[in-house]
Each structure stands twice: as structure tokens, then as C-alpha cells.
Amino acid sequence: MGLSEQELLSAARGGDEAAFADLVGPYRSELAAHCYRMLGSIQDAEDALQEALLRAWRGLHRFEGRSSLRSWLYTIATNASLRAIERRPARVLPIDYGPATADPHAPHDPPLLESVWVEPYPSPAARYEQRESVELAFIAALQHLPALQRAVLILRDVLGFSGAEVADALQTTPEAVYSALQRAHKTVERKLPEQTQQATLRSLGEDGLREIVQGYVDAWERADVEALAARLTKDAVMAMPPEPTWFHGQDAVAAFLRAVPMQDHYRWRILPTSANGQPAFAHYLWDDDEHAYMAHGIAVLTLEGDRISDMTIWRVPELHARFGLPGRL
């Protein structure tokens, strides 16, 4: 029989690192998702979480139990994330960085060396409402908020902490929390679609989603531009971080697919996965030198009904490992 939280806390205060690991273990995944919402990056979230857990370990003697352990850990993780925000620019998606590219045959802008892009997040095994809080549109919208507003909105709306708890965590007043929350709502609501992806997925049902997933895989692996284009909305967007280049409109996306990735000499293998609570795919490209399909990127689809409204493909092979996927097939 395992030790109670109070017993683990007592042992951890006595210097038992294993007890501390057991104490915070049940909260690690939700704290990681919290840091990701704050920062829009898996790596930044992991760094902030490690900093938060180190501070919690070193400051455990100061935890007096006036709040729950979970609330105390969230306070430390939030402040670690706020410090990280101070050290780097806000992350965005290419559509927020610059205008769409008109000519699919023109040379692409080079990838940006600095880390400015929102990254995909392996989907949590959670309820619909929890997955809504990591949807790509929501994460991107959060990054447009000043740091304090971002923290307030997440703590209040996503995590359900009271105004007094949020004020205590951020060392401010309940009045300031309310004011920040009102301003955050106005910004985020302008940037979010009318329907969440979770609501769209529920309306599609398992069979509808399966048909979309199989159609996407089949179109890429057969290099069938027309089949994939037929699944796009008229004003569909395709973006490819870390390149700032992106395309707007069904015809523009189809022209780019035809001109570059779906040319005859490219051979693809596509593995379905899930990211940000949305359908996602690991792209692998055949490499003659390696005699294998090598990791190429992670694609996340945003759906509008049974059509694809956004196709964001992070051309970052290193992401495959973060999704528990192999680097080569």
C-alpha cells in the first residue's frame, strides 16, 4: 500500500528525493501542459517545469499546507513560466508573422534561426474540455496576450482557480485579476474560431474522422494533389515552420503541393498521430542514401466540418522523438 500525500510530504521534507518524486508525480503531466499553454513550446515547457520542480524541492520546507499541494505547485510553475517569457520573444504561427506567399514557385524564405514558432504538443489522454485547452488556435491566441493576462486566463478559465487564489499566486489583487481577465477575454475571443476542434470532432464521429485521416494519408503517399485539395476549404491555409512561408486559399495550397512536396521524385510515408487534441501526422520522406524513410515533420490539421481549414506542418524532424515516434522507417 502506497504512502499518503502527507506521509510523502513529511519524508520529502526530511530529504527523501524518491518521496518527493512520488509526491509530485501525479501532477507532472498537467503541470507540463500548463507550462506549454503559457509558453507555446514543448522544450520551453520542459525547461520551465524542471525549474519549477527544482524550486519546489528546495522550498518544500516553506510549504505550510494553507493551500493544496497542487495549487502550490501551479504557483511555482506559473512563475517559472513568467520568468521564461521575460527571456524570449512571444511564439507565433507563420500566419501571424507575415503575409501569405503568392507564388508557390518562388524561392522560399529561409527558416528562422531564432525560436519564434508555436510548437505542436502530443495530445493529452484527457477529457474533451481538457484537450480544448491545448488546441492549436487557443495556444496561438494565448501567445498574443501580455504575460500577466495569459497567466490569469489560464489559471481562472482553464484550471478553475478562484480570483483570490490567482491573486495570491501572482502576488496581485483580486481586482487586478478581474481586470486582466476581462482584457484577455476580449483579445482571445477575437482570435478563436466559432467552434472548437473538440466539438468538430464530436460532430464528425469516429467514422467521419477515420475517413479524413485515411484520405490524408492516401493522398500524400500517392502524391495525389487533387485528392488532397478536394478536402480543403476554399480559404485553407498551409504553413511550414520553421519557414515563415505560408499559403492561403485552396488553389494556392494545391499549386504549392504540385510544385514542391508532391512531385514525382518524392516518396512519402505518413503515420497518423494526435497533437493539440487534433488529428496529426508524422511525415517521413524517402532518403536514397539512408535506404529508409526519414523523419521529416509533424503535421497538425484544423478541421471545419469535414474539410481541412489549416494544415500546419512543422518541418522539424526532432519533433518525432517527442511524439514517441521513430526517426526512420
C-alpha atoms as a PDB file:
ATOM      1  CA  MET A   1       0.000   0.000   0.000  1.00  0.00           C
ATOM      2  CA  GLY A   2       1.417   3.403  -1.007  1.00  0.00           C
ATOM      3  CA  LEU A   3       2.130   6.247   1.371  1.00  0.00           C
ATOM      4  CA  SER A   4      -0.362   9.075   1.744  1.00  0.00           C
ATOM      5  CA  GLU A   5       0.418  12.538   0.394  1.00  0.00           C
ATOM      6  CA  GLN A   6       1.063  13.753   3.938  1.00  0.00           C
ATOM      7  CA  GLU A   7       3.484  10.888   4.594  1.00  0.00           C
ATOM      8  CA  LEU A   8       5.301  11.541   1.323  1.00  0.00           C
ATOM      9  CA  LEU A   9       5.460  15.237   2.160  1.00  0.00           C
ATOM     10  CA  SER A  10       6.971  14.518   5.557  1.00  0.00           C
ATOM     11  CA  ALA A  11       9.545  12.155   4.054  1.00  0.00           C
ATOM     12  CA  ALA A  12      10.414  14.618   1.285  1.00  0.00           C
ATOM     13  CA  ARG A  13      10.919  17.391   3.818  1.00  0.00           C
ATOM     14  CA  GLY A  14      13.390  15.064   5.502  1.00  0.00           C
ATOM     15  CA  GLY A  15      15.460  14.919   2.302  1.00  0.00           C
ATOM     16  CA  ASP A  16      13.974  11.820   0.628  1.00  0.00           C
ATOM     17  CA  GLU A  17      14.202  12.578  -3.093  1.00  0.00           C
ATOM     18  CA  ALA A  18      12.286   9.419  -4.054  1.00  0.00           C
ATOM     19  CA  ALA A  19       9.423  10.515  -1.800  1.00  0.00           C
ATOM     20  CA  PHE A  20       9.448  13.943  -3.477  1.00  0.00           C
ATOM     21  CA  ALA A  21       9.291  12.310  -6.918  1.00  0.00           C
ATOM     22  CA  ASP A  22       6.293  10.247  -5.775  1.00  0.00           C
ATOM     23  CA  LEU A  23       4.721  13.345  -4.225  1.00  0.00           C
ATOM     24  CA  VAL A  24       4.805  15.459  -7.395  1.00  0.00           C
ATOM     25  CA  GLY A  25       4.466  12.575  -9.858  1.00  0.00           C
ATOM     26  CA  PRO A  26       0.644  12.724 -10.126  1.00  0.00           C
ATOM     27  CA  TYR A  27       0.875  16.396 -11.131  1.00  0.00           C
ATOM     28  CA  ARG A  28       3.726  16.282 -13.662  1.00  0.00           C
ATOM     29  CA  SER A  29       1.695  15.833 -16.846  1.00  0.00           C
ATOM     30  CA  GLU A  30      -0.830  18.554 -16.020  1.00  0.00           C
ATOM     31  CA  LEU A  31       1.945  20.923 -14.942  1.00  0.00           C
ATOM     32  CA  ALA A  32       3.762  20.245 -18.231  1.00  0.00           C
ATOM     33  CA  ALA A  33       0.585  21.093 -20.163  1.00  0.00           C
ATOM     34  CA  HIS A  34       0.212  24.256 -18.080  1.00  0.00           C
ATOM     35  CA  CYS A  35       3.743  25.393 -18.931  1.00  0.00           C
ATOM     36  CA  TYR A  36       3.070  24.605 -22.589  1.00  0.00           C
ATOM     37  CA  ARG A  37      -0.053  26.788 -22.578  1.00  0.00           C
ATOM     38  CA  MET A  38       1.991  29.599 -21.077  1.00  0.00           C
ATOM     39  CA  LEU A  39       4.949  29.233 -23.449  1.00  0.00           C
ATOM     40  CA  GLY A  40       3.718  27.573 -26.670  1.00  0.00           C
ATOM     41  CA  SER A  41       6.789  25.329 -26.850  1.00  0.00           C
ATOM     42  CA  ILE A  42       7.453  21.774 -25.682  1.00  0.00           C
ATOM     43  CA  GLN A  43      11.121  22.469 -24.939  1.00  0.00           C
ATOM     44  CA  ASP A  44      10.409  25.731 -23.119  1.00  0.00           C
ATOM     45  CA  ALA A  45       7.671  23.981 -21.141  1.00  0.00           C
ATOM     46  CA  GLU A  46      10.026  21.176 -20.118  1.00  0.00           C
ATOM     47  CA  ASP A  47      12.666  23.687 -19.033  1.00  0.00           C
ATOM     48  CA  ALA A  48      10.123  25.688 -17.018  1.00  0.00           C
ATOM     49  CA  LEU A  49       8.772  22.532 -15.394  1.00  0.00           C
ATOM     50  CA  GLN A  50      12.255  21.382 -14.397  1.00  0.00           C
ATOM     51  CA  GLU A  51      12.963  24.793 -12.908  1.00  0.00           C
ATOM     52  CA  ALA A  52       9.633  24.716 -11.043  1.00  0.00           C
ATOM     53  CA  LEU A  53      10.221  21.247  -9.594  1.00  0.00           C
ATOM     54  CA  LEU A  54      13.727  22.207  -8.502  1.00  0.00           C
ATOM     55  CA  ARG A  55      12.367  25.290  -6.761  1.00  0.00           C
ATOM     56  CA  ALA A  56       9.629  23.188  -5.162  1.00  0.00           C
ATOM     57  CA  TRP A  57      12.192  20.680  -3.869  1.00  0.00           C
ATOM     58  CA  ARG A  58      14.404  23.395  -2.441  1.00  0.00           C
ATOM     59  CA  GLY A  59      11.467  25.310  -0.987  1.00  0.00           C
ATOM     60  CA  LEU A  60       9.447  22.408   0.360  1.00  0.00           C
ATOM     61  CA  HIS A  61      10.089  23.492   3.943  1.00  0.00           C
ATOM     62  CA  ARG A  62       8.164  26.691   3.164  1.00  0.00           C
ATOM     63  CA  PHE A  63       5.013  24.828   2.099  1.00  0.00           C
ATOM     64  CA  GLU A  64       2.752  25.229   5.119  1.00  0.00           C
ATOM     65  CA  GLY A  65      -0.328  23.487   3.744  1.00  0.00           C
ATOM     66  CA  ARG A  66      -2.538  26.576   3.753  1.00  0.00           C
ATOM     67  CA  SER A  67      -3.283  25.823   0.093  1.00  0.00           C
ATOM     68  CA  SER A  68      -3.369  22.436  -1.597  1.00  0.00           C
ATOM     69  CA  LEU A  69      -0.095  20.963  -2.840  1.00  0.00           C
ATOM     70  CA  ARG A  70      -1.482  21.172  -6.391  1.00  0.00           C
ATOM     71  CA  SER A  71      -2.206  24.892  -6.047  1.00  0.00           C
ATOM     72  CA  TRP A  72       1.256  25.492  -4.583  1.00  0.00           C
ATOM     73  CA  LEU A  73       2.941  23.643  -7.466  1.00  0.00           C
ATOM     74  CA  TYR A  74       0.898  25.579 -10.027  1.00  0.00           C
ATOM     75  CA  THR A  75       2.003  28.846  -8.426  1.00  0.00           C
ATOM     76  CA  ILE A  76       5.663  27.850  -8.760  1.00  0.00           C
ATOM     77  CA  ALA A  77       5.196  26.573 -12.346  1.00  0.00           C
ATOM     78  CA  THR A  78       3.339  29.741 -13.362  1.00  0.00           C
ATOM     79  CA  ASN A  79       6.084  31.973 -12.045  1.00  0.00           C
ATOM     80  CA  ALA A  80       8.774  29.837 -13.707  1.00  0.00           C
ATOM     81  CA  SER A  81       6.870  30.285 -16.975  1.00  0.00           C
ATOM     82  CA  LEU A  82       6.585  34.044 -16.438  1.00  0.00           C
ATOM     83  CA  ARG A  83      10.349  34.250 -15.982  1.00  0.00           C
ATOM     84  CA  ALA A  84      10.812  32.294 -19.211  1.00  0.00           C
ATOM     85  CA  ILE A  85       8.518  34.720 -21.071  1.00  0.00           C
ATOM     86  CA  GLU A  86      10.724  37.612 -19.957  1.00  0.00           C
ATOM     87  CA  ARG A  87      13.773  35.948 -21.544  1.00  0.00           C
ATOM     88  CA  ARG A  88      12.457  35.388 -25.069  1.00  0.00           C
ATOM     89  CA  PRO A  89      10.063  36.725 -27.707  1.00  0.00           C
ATOM     90  CA  ALA A  90       6.487  35.524 -27.957  1.00  0.00           C
ATOM     91  CA  ARG A  91       5.921  32.478 -30.136  1.00  0.00           C
ATOM     92  CA  VAL A  92       3.557  32.713 -33.107  1.00  0.00           C
ATOM     93  CA  LEU A  93       2.412  30.771 -36.155  1.00  0.00           C
ATOM     94  CA  PRO A  94       3.569  31.870 -39.632  1.00  0.00           C
ATOM     95  CA  ILE A  95       0.160  33.429 -40.388  1.00  0.00           C
ATOM     96  CA  ASP A  96       0.790  35.881 -37.521  1.00  0.00           C
ATOM     97  CA  TYR A  97       4.365  36.574 -38.607  1.00  0.00           C
ATOM     98  CA  GLY A  98       3.956  37.919 -42.136  1.00  0.00           C
ATOM     99  CA  PRO A  99       1.795  37.898 -45.287  1.00  0.00           C
ATOM    100  CA  ALA A 100       0.974  34.800 -47.319  1.00  0.00           C
ATOM    101  CA  THR A 101       3.225  33.825 -50.230  1.00  0.00           C
ATOM    102  CA  ALA A 102       1.607  34.418 -53.601  1.00  0.00           C
ATOM    103  CA  ASP A 103       3.883  32.364 -55.869  1.00  0.00           C
ATOM    104  CA  PRO A 104       4.434  28.709 -54.943  1.00  0.00           C
ATOM    105  CA  HIS A 105       7.341  28.533 -57.415  1.00  0.00           C
ATOM    106  CA  ALA A 106       9.237  31.455 -55.856  1.00  0.00           C
ATOM    107  CA  PRO A 107      12.202  30.717 -53.562  1.00  0.00           C
ATOM    108  CA  HIS A 108      11.004  30.214 -50.003  1.00  0.00           C
ATOM    109  CA  ASP A 109      12.107  32.429 -47.191  1.00  0.00           C
ATOM    110  CA  PRO A 110      14.848  30.650 -45.217  1.00  0.00           C
ATOM    111  CA  PRO A 111      13.971  29.064 -41.869  1.00  0.00           C
ATOM    112  CA  LEU A 112      14.312  31.455 -38.966  1.00  0.00           C
ATOM    113  CA  LEU A 113      17.231  30.639 -36.710  1.00  0.00           C
ATOM    114  CA  GLU A 114      15.640  32.035 -33.570  1.00  0.00           C
ATOM    115  CA  SER A 115      12.858  30.110 -31.867  1.00  0.00           C
ATOM    116  CA  VAL A 116       9.722  32.105 -32.641  1.00  0.00           C
ATOM    117  CA  TRP A 117       7.215  29.422 -33.595  1.00  0.00           C
ATOM    118  CA  VAL A 118       4.446  27.850 -31.567  1.00  0.00           C
ATOM    119  CA  GLU A 119       5.157  24.120 -31.448  1.00  0.00           C
ATOM    120  CA  PRO A 120       2.772  21.131 -31.563  1.00  0.00           C
ATOM    121  CA  TYR A 121       2.060  19.250 -28.349  1.00  0.00           C
ATOM    122  CA  PRO A 122       1.457  15.486 -28.043  1.00  0.00           C
ATOM    123  CA  SER A 123      -2.223  15.192 -27.209  1.00  0.00           C
ATOM    124  CA  PRO A 124      -3.029  14.530 -23.567  1.00  0.00           C
ATOM    125  CA  ALA A 125      -5.120  11.474 -22.782  1.00  0.00           C
ATOM    126  CA  ALA A 126      -7.807  13.636 -21.247  1.00  0.00           C
ATOM    127  CA  ARG A 127     -11.427  14.698 -21.417  1.00  0.00           C
ATOM    128  CA  TYR A 128     -12.650  16.820 -24.328  1.00  0.00           C
ATOM    129  CA  GLU A 129     -12.663  20.010 -22.274  1.00  0.00           C
ATOM    130  CA  GLN A 130      -9.038  19.445 -21.242  1.00  0.00           C
ATOM    131  CA  ARG A 131      -7.987  18.820 -24.838  1.00  0.00           C
ATOM    132  CA  GLU A 132      -9.737  22.053 -25.845  1.00  0.00           C
ATOM    133  CA  SER A 133      -7.250  23.935 -23.669  1.00  0.00           C
ATOM    134  CA  VAL A 134      -4.297  22.797 -25.812  1.00  0.00           C
ATOM    135  CA  GLU A 135      -5.931  23.225 -29.233  1.00  0.00           C
ATOM    136  CA  LEU A 136      -3.619  24.983 -31.649  1.00  0.00           C
ATOM    137  CA  ALA A 137      -5.830  28.053 -32.150  1.00  0.00           C
ATOM    138  CA  PHE A 138      -6.154  28.535 -28.388  1.00  0.00           C
ATOM    139  CA  ILE A 139      -2.406  28.177 -27.771  1.00  0.00           C
ATOM    140  CA  ALA A 140      -1.645  30.614 -30.607  1.00  0.00           C
ATOM    141  CA  ALA A 141      -4.205  33.092 -29.253  1.00  0.00           C
ATOM    142  CA  LEU A 142      -2.701  32.899 -25.761  1.00  0.00           C
ATOM    143  CA  GLN A 143       0.707  33.935 -27.091  1.00  0.00           C
ATOM    144  CA  HIS A 144      -0.754  37.300 -28.140  1.00  0.00           C
ATOM    145  CA  LEU A 145      -1.557  38.153 -24.533  1.00  0.00           C
ATOM    146  CA  PRO A 146       0.754  40.011 -22.172  1.00  0.00           C
ATOM    147  CA  ALA A 147       2.283  37.588 -19.681  1.00  0.00           C
ATOM    148  CA  LEU A 148       0.070  38.532 -16.731  1.00  0.00           C
ATOM    149  CA  GLN A 149      -3.154  38.303 -18.752  1.00  0.00           C
ATOM    150  CA  ARG A 150      -2.043  34.941 -20.121  1.00  0.00           C
ATOM    151  CA  ALA A 151      -1.419  33.563 -16.644  1.00  0.00           C
ATOM    152  CA  VAL A 152      -4.704  34.912 -15.290  1.00  0.00           C
ATOM    153  CA  LEU A 153      -6.801  33.495 -18.123  1.00  0.00           C
ATOM    154  CA  ILE A 154      -5.217  30.047 -17.838  1.00  0.00           C
ATOM    155  CA  LEU A 155      -5.436  29.878 -14.056  1.00  0.00           C
ATOM    156  CA  ARG A 156      -9.050  31.105 -13.959  1.00  0.00           C
ATOM    157  CA  ASP A 157     -10.678  29.711 -17.112  1.00  0.00           C
ATOM    158  CA  VAL A 158      -8.693  26.536 -17.754  1.00  0.00           C
ATOM    159  CA  LEU A 159      -7.760  25.442 -14.249  1.00  0.00           C
ATOM    160  CA  GLY A 160     -10.659  26.948 -12.344  1.00  0.00           C
ATOM    161  CA  PHE A 161      -8.744  28.653  -9.548  1.00  0.00           C
ATOM    162  CA  SER A 162     -10.636  31.379  -7.723  1.00  0.00           C
ATOM    163  CA  GLY A 163      -9.827  35.054  -8.165  1.00  0.00           C
ATOM    164  CA  ALA A 164      -8.326  35.118  -4.668  1.00  0.00           C
ATOM    165  CA  GLU A 165      -6.126  32.078  -5.419  1.00  0.00           C
ATOM    166  CA  VAL A 166      -4.916  33.615  -8.684  1.00  0.00           C
ATOM    167  CA  ALA A 167      -4.204  36.926  -6.965  1.00  0.00           C
ATOM    168  CA  ASP A 168      -2.184  35.100  -4.308  1.00  0.00           C
ATOM    169  CA  ALA A 169      -0.248  33.103  -6.922  1.00  0.00           C
ATOM    170  CA  LEU A 170       0.627  36.224  -8.920  1.00  0.00           C
ATOM    171  CA  GLN A 171       1.106  38.496  -5.896  1.00  0.00           C
ATOM    172  CA  THR A 172      -1.529  40.962  -7.025  1.00  0.00           C
ATOM    173  CA  THR A 173      -5.105  41.872  -6.059  1.00  0.00           C
ATOM    174  CA  PRO A 174      -8.396  40.179  -6.986  1.00  0.00           C
ATOM    175  CA  GLU A 175      -9.405  43.459  -8.670  1.00  0.00           C
ATOM    176  CA  ALA A 176      -6.302  43.351 -10.875  1.00  0.00           C
ATOM    177  CA  VAL A 177      -7.026  39.721 -11.694  1.00  0.00           C
ATOM    178  CA  TYR A 178     -10.581  40.558 -12.774  1.00  0.00           C
ATOM    179  CA  SER A 179      -9.392  43.461 -14.934  1.00  0.00           C
ATOM    180  CA  ALA A 180      -6.678  41.344 -16.600  1.00  0.00           C
ATOM    181  CA  LEU A 181      -9.173  38.547 -17.234  1.00  0.00           C
ATOM    182  CA  GLN A 182     -11.624  40.895 -18.962  1.00  0.00           C
ATOM    183  CA  ARG A 183      -8.924  42.241 -21.271  1.00  0.00           C
ATOM    184  CA  ALA A 184      -7.637  38.732 -22.007  1.00  0.00           C
ATOM    185  CA  HIS A 185     -11.129  37.543 -22.947  1.00  0.00           C
ATOM    186  CA  LYS A 186     -11.525  40.344 -25.488  1.00  0.00           C
ATOM    187  CA  THR A 187      -8.231  39.503 -27.212  1.00  0.00           C
ATOM    188  CA  VAL A 188      -8.628  35.731 -27.249  1.00  0.00           C
ATOM    189  CA  GLU A 189     -12.253  35.725 -28.368  1.00  0.00           C
ATOM    190  CA  ARG A 190     -11.318  37.745 -31.484  1.00  0.00           C
ATOM    191  CA  LYS A 191      -8.798  35.113 -32.492  1.00  0.00           C
ATOM    192  CA  LEU A 192     -10.697  31.899 -31.812  1.00  0.00           C
ATOM    193  CA  PRO A 193     -12.970  30.132 -34.326  1.00  0.00           C
ATOM    194  CA  GLU A 194     -16.664  29.829 -33.540  1.00  0.00           C
ATOM    195  CA  GLN A 195     -16.388  26.100 -32.860  1.00  0.00           C
ATOM    196  CA  THR A 196     -13.653  24.240 -31.004  1.00  0.00           C
ATOM    197  CA  GLN A 197     -11.911  21.328 -32.654  1.00  0.00           C
ATOM    198  CA  GLN A 198     -13.294  19.008 -29.985  1.00  0.00           C
ATOM    199  CA  ALA A 199     -16.839  19.993 -30.942  1.00  0.00           C
ATOM    200  CA  THR A 200     -15.986  19.453 -34.616  1.00  0.00           C
ATOM    201  CA  LEU A 201     -14.528  16.026 -33.897  1.00  0.00           C
ATOM    202  CA  ARG A 202     -17.591  15.023 -31.886  1.00  0.00           C
ATOM    203  CA  SER A 203     -19.844  16.061 -34.768  1.00  0.00           C
ATOM    204  CA  LEU A 204     -17.784  14.016 -37.239  1.00  0.00           C
ATOM    205  CA  GLY A 205     -17.813  10.884 -35.108  1.00  0.00           C
ATOM    206  CA  GLU A 206     -15.227   8.129 -35.286  1.00  0.00           C
ATOM    207  CA  ASP A 207     -16.177   7.060 -38.812  1.00  0.00           C
ATOM    208  CA  GLY A 208     -16.035  10.597 -40.191  1.00  0.00           C
ATOM    209  CA  LEU A 209     -12.660  11.278 -38.618  1.00  0.00           C
ATOM    210  CA  ARG A 210     -11.296   7.935 -39.791  1.00  0.00           C
ATOM    211  CA  GLU A 211     -12.271   8.772 -43.371  1.00  0.00           C
ATOM    212  CA  ILE A 212     -10.454  12.127 -43.194  1.00  0.00           C
ATOM    213  CA  VAL A 213      -7.329  10.542 -41.689  1.00  0.00           C
ATOM    214  CA  GLN A 214      -7.201   7.726 -44.241  1.00  0.00           C
ATOM    215  CA  GLY A 215      -7.840  10.168 -47.087  1.00  0.00           C
ATOM    216  CA  TYR A 216      -4.967  12.417 -45.964  1.00  0.00           C
ATOM    217  CA  VAL A 217      -2.538   9.500 -45.684  1.00  0.00           C
ATOM    218  CA  ASP A 218      -3.569   8.069 -49.042  1.00  0.00           C
ATOM    219  CA  ALA A 219      -3.318  11.424 -50.846  1.00  0.00           C
ATOM    220  CA  TRP A 220       0.220  12.084 -49.596  1.00  0.00           C
ATOM    221  CA  GLU A 221       1.522   8.591 -50.211  1.00  0.00           C
ATOM    222  CA  ARG A 222       0.116   8.556 -53.772  1.00  0.00           C
ATOM    223  CA  ALA A 223       1.143  12.203 -54.341  1.00  0.00           C
ATOM    224  CA  ASP A 224      -2.456  12.909 -55.350  1.00  0.00           C
ATOM    225  CA  VAL A 225      -2.731  16.696 -55.270  1.00  0.00           C
ATOM    226  CA  GLU A 226      -6.321  16.757 -56.490  1.00  0.00           C
ATOM    227  CA  ALA A 227      -7.484  14.335 -53.805  1.00  0.00           C
ATOM    228  CA  LEU A 228      -5.915  16.382 -51.017  1.00  0.00           C
ATOM    229  CA  ALA A 229      -7.022  19.714 -52.472  1.00  0.00           C
ATOM    230  CA  ALA A 230     -10.607  18.429 -52.636  1.00  0.00           C
ATOM    231  CA  ARG A 231     -10.501  18.026 -48.853  1.00  0.00           C
ATOM    232  CA  LEU A 232      -9.523  21.666 -48.255  1.00  0.00           C
ATOM    233  CA  THR A 233     -11.823  24.588 -47.547  1.00  0.00           C
ATOM    234  CA  LYS A 234     -11.790  27.382 -50.157  1.00  0.00           C
ATOM    235  CA  ASP A 235      -9.758  29.639 -47.824  1.00  0.00           C
ATOM    236  CA  ALA A 236      -7.495  26.900 -46.458  1.00  0.00           C
ATOM    237  CA  VAL A 237      -4.081  27.768 -45.047  1.00  0.00           C
ATOM    238  CA  MET A 238      -0.863  25.763 -45.266  1.00  0.00           C
ATOM    239  CA  ALA A 239       2.144  26.764 -43.149  1.00  0.00           C
ATOM    240  CA  MET A 240       5.517  25.089 -42.646  1.00  0.00           C
ATOM    241  CA  PRO A 241       7.500  26.288 -39.615  1.00  0.00           C
ATOM    242  CA  PRO A 242      10.409  26.958 -39.208  1.00  0.00           C
ATOM    243  CA  GLU A 243       9.971  28.622 -42.615  1.00  0.00           C
ATOM    244  CA  PRO A 244       7.873  31.791 -42.410  1.00  0.00           C
ATOM    245  CA  THR A 245       6.377  30.940 -45.829  1.00  0.00           C
ATOM    246  CA  TRP A 246       2.664  30.104 -45.885  1.00  0.00           C
ATOM    247  CA  PHE A 247      -0.078  29.806 -48.496  1.00  0.00           C
ATOM    248  CA  HIS A 248      -3.686  30.958 -48.393  1.00  0.00           C
ATOM    249  CA  GLY A 249      -6.537  29.522 -50.444  1.00  0.00           C
ATOM    250  CA  GLN A 250      -7.322  26.107 -51.862  1.00  0.00           C
ATOM    251  CA  ASP A 251      -5.800  26.913 -55.250  1.00  0.00           C
ATOM    252  CA  ALA A 252      -2.581  28.361 -53.796  1.00  0.00           C
ATOM    253  CA  VAL A 253      -2.091  25.387 -51.492  1.00  0.00           C
ATOM    254  CA  ALA A 254      -2.711  22.939 -54.352  1.00  0.00           C
ATOM    255  CA  ALA A 255      -0.253  24.806 -56.580  1.00  0.00           C
ATOM    256  CA  PHE A 256       2.434  24.592 -53.908  1.00  0.00           C
ATOM    257  CA  LEU A 257       1.787  20.883 -53.295  1.00  0.00           C
ATOM    258  CA  ARG A 258       2.062  20.225 -57.016  1.00  0.00           C
ATOM    259  CA  ALA A 259       5.225  22.330 -57.383  1.00  0.00           C
ATOM    260  CA  VAL A 260       7.181  21.019 -54.402  1.00  0.00           C
ATOM    261  CA  PRO A 261       6.346  18.189 -51.974  1.00  0.00           C
ATOM    262  CA  MET A 262       4.144  16.084 -54.262  1.00  0.00           C
ATOM    263  CA  GLN A 263       6.496  16.000 -57.231  1.00  0.00           C
ATOM    264  CA  ASP A 264       7.048  12.527 -58.655  1.00  0.00           C
ATOM    265  CA  HIS A 265      10.577  12.109 -57.278  1.00  0.00           C
ATOM    266  CA  TYR A 266       9.420  12.466 -53.647  1.00  0.00           C
ATOM    267  CA  ARG A 267       8.196   9.357 -51.829  1.00  0.00           C
ATOM    268  CA  TRP A 268       6.295   9.711 -48.559  1.00  0.00           C
ATOM    269  CA  ARG A 269       5.134   7.544 -45.696  1.00  0.00           C
ATOM    270  CA  ILE A 270       2.594   9.086 -43.321  1.00  0.00           C
ATOM    271  CA  LEU A 271       1.803   7.833 -39.808  1.00  0.00           C
ATOM    272  CA  PRO A 272      -1.350   9.120 -38.062  1.00  0.00           C
ATOM    273  CA  THR A 273      -0.897  10.510 -34.562  1.00  0.00           C
ATOM    274  CA  SER A 274      -2.534  13.256 -32.493  1.00  0.00           C
ATOM    275  CA  ALA A 275      -1.355  16.691 -31.407  1.00  0.00           C
ATOM    276  CA  ASN A 276      -3.079  19.505 -29.527  1.00  0.00           C
ATOM    277  CA  GLY A 277      -6.215  17.370 -29.344  1.00  0.00           C
ATOM    278  CA  GLN A 278      -6.394  17.403 -33.166  1.00  0.00           C
ATOM    279  CA  PRO A 279      -5.636  14.910 -35.956  1.00  0.00           C
ATOM    280  CA  ALA A 280      -1.937  14.926 -36.724  1.00  0.00           C
ATOM    281  CA  PHE A 281       0.540  13.007 -38.850  1.00  0.00           C
ATOM    282  CA  ALA A 282       4.214  12.145 -38.805  1.00  0.00           C
ATOM    283  CA  HIS A 283       5.685  12.700 -42.266  1.00  0.00           C
ATOM    284  CA  TYR A 284       8.584  10.533 -43.460  1.00  0.00           C
ATOM    285  CA  LEU A 285      10.485  11.193 -46.708  1.00  0.00           C
ATOM    286  CA  TRP A 286      12.468   8.535 -48.593  1.00  0.00           C
ATOM    287  CA  ASP A 287      16.234   9.053 -48.436  1.00  0.00           C
ATOM    288  CA  ASP A 288      18.262   7.154 -51.054  1.00  0.00           C
ATOM    289  CA  ASP A 289      21.474   7.462 -49.053  1.00  0.00           C
ATOM    290  CA  GLU A 290      19.891   6.061 -45.892  1.00  0.00           C
ATOM    291  CA  HIS A 291      17.767   3.493 -47.775  1.00  0.00           C
ATOM    292  CA  ALA A 292      14.923   4.405 -45.446  1.00  0.00           C
ATOM    293  CA  TYR A 293      12.081   6.811 -44.903  1.00  0.00           C
ATOM    294  CA  MET A 294      13.488   9.521 -42.626  1.00  0.00           C
ATOM    295  CA  ALA A 295      11.576  11.752 -40.221  1.00  0.00           C
ATOM    296  CA  HIS A 296      10.610  14.982 -41.966  1.00  0.00           C
ATOM    297  CA  GLY A 297       7.985  16.738 -39.861  1.00  0.00           C
ATOM    298  CA  ILE A 298       4.762  16.720 -37.880  1.00  0.00           C
ATOM    299  CA  ALA A 299       1.518  17.935 -39.496  1.00  0.00           C
ATOM    300  CA  VAL A 300      -1.480  19.126 -37.484  1.00  0.00           C
ATOM    301  CA  LEU A 301      -4.867  19.562 -39.158  1.00  0.00           C
ATOM    302  CA  THR A 302      -7.547  22.031 -38.145  1.00  0.00           C
ATOM    303  CA  LEU A 303     -10.957  20.987 -39.416  1.00  0.00           C
ATOM    304  CA  GLU A 304     -14.009  22.958 -40.433  1.00  0.00           C
ATOM    305  CA  GLY A 305     -16.780  20.404 -40.684  1.00  0.00           C
ATOM    306  CA  ASP A 306     -15.354  17.577 -42.781  1.00  0.00           C
ATOM    307  CA  ARG A 307     -12.859  19.850 -44.580  1.00  0.00           C
ATOM    308  CA  ILE A 308      -9.325  20.903 -43.695  1.00  0.00           C
ATOM    309  CA  SER A 309      -9.088  24.622 -42.977  1.00  0.00           C
ATOM    310  CA  ASP A 310      -5.475  24.670 -41.735  1.00  0.00           C
ATOM    311  CA  MET A 311      -2.581  22.346 -42.435  1.00  0.00           C
ATOM    312  CA  THR A 312       0.449  23.240 -40.330  1.00  0.00           C
ATOM    313  CA  ILE A 313       3.496  21.082 -40.997  1.00  0.00           C
ATOM    314  CA  TRP A 314       6.443  21.599 -38.668  1.00  0.00           C
ATOM    315  CA  ARG A 315       9.437  20.603 -40.769  1.00  0.00           C
ATOM    316  CA  VAL A 316      11.423  19.695 -37.666  1.00  0.00           C
ATOM    317  CA  PRO A 317      12.481  16.013 -37.668  1.00  0.00           C
ATOM    318  CA  GLU A 318      13.471  16.218 -33.993  1.00  0.00           C
ATOM    319  CA  LEU A 319       9.792  16.507 -33.062  1.00  0.00           C
ATOM    320  CA  HIS A 320       9.180  12.842 -33.896  1.00  0.00           C
ATOM    321  CA  ALA A 321      11.035  11.719 -30.776  1.00  0.00           C
ATOM    322  CA  ARG A 322       8.872  13.979 -28.604  1.00  0.00           C
ATOM    323  CA  PHE A 323       5.831  12.184 -30.007  1.00  0.00           C
ATOM    324  CA  GLY A 324       7.374   8.790 -29.233  1.00  0.00           C
ATOM    325  CA  LEU A 325       7.855   8.084 -32.937  1.00  0.00           C
ATOM    326  CA  PRO A 326      10.919   6.617 -34.690  1.00  0.00           C
ATOM    327  CA  GLY A 327      13.307   8.775 -36.670  1.00  0.00           C
ATOM    328  CA  ARG A 328      13.341   6.335 -39.581  1.00  0.00           C
ATOM    329  CA  LEU A 329      11.107   3.700 -41.116  1.00  0.00           C
END
